[in-house]
Amino acid sequence: MMPTLILPGLNGSDDGHWQRYWLKDDAQSRLVEQDDWKAPRVEAWTQRLEEVLVQEGPAYIVAHSLGCLLAAKCVDRPAAKLIKGALLVAPCDLSTTENLHPGAIHFGRMPTRVLPFPTITVGSLNDIYMPLESLSLYGRLWKTQVRNLGPAGHINIESGFGRWTGGYELLSLLKMKTKARRQYDISQSQGGEALAVEAIKSGMTH
């Protein structure tokens, strides 16, 4: 079965976070472990994600907060062909997050390109890291389906999200969406994946 890569955001996802439960509940899931959770640098985080994608092969992404932006920033990289779909939960707005955590985040600019892989984005009415109007804007720019959970905060421990069965249902929906999209040309998809792996490996040696 295709693996699911778990991408936390700033400071990782502590015990009790829904992503930690996901790792326990889904035998196909794997945490993309970063060397520095407290001072994220986009280059280092991207390299680690690409390393894991090369090891694991094509995978689904389940991301939270800054992890969503990590996935979105793969749009122009070979790694994009190895991401079969992404569940983006509570993506953060970079300028808002930088104001809340001065000097901690080195992630460049907010990604604004259309995402080349199927996605479902989940947000809330009162997320301090992503104003609702910004969520709507990035939903349009990324051309992603946006699900609003109502007053659910940052969809984390603080807002009551421990084991989150609704997330499993959304990933199942995303997989159905992805399968339908892939039916048109499986051979082209497989060829692109092989080229992507070679391109990533080549970049790692330079």
Foldseek 3Di string as FASTA:
>chain_A
DAAEEEAEAAPGADAQKQSVVVVVPDVRYDYLDAPHRFADALVRSLLSVLVVCLVRFAHEYEYAAVSLQSLLVCQPALCLLSHQEYEYEQYFQVVQVCVVPPPRYHYPHRRQAARPHAYEYEEECAASRAHPVRVVNSCVRNVYHYHYPYHQYRSTVVSPNGNDVVVVVVVVVSVVVSVVVCPPDVPVSVVSRVVSSVRSVVVVVD
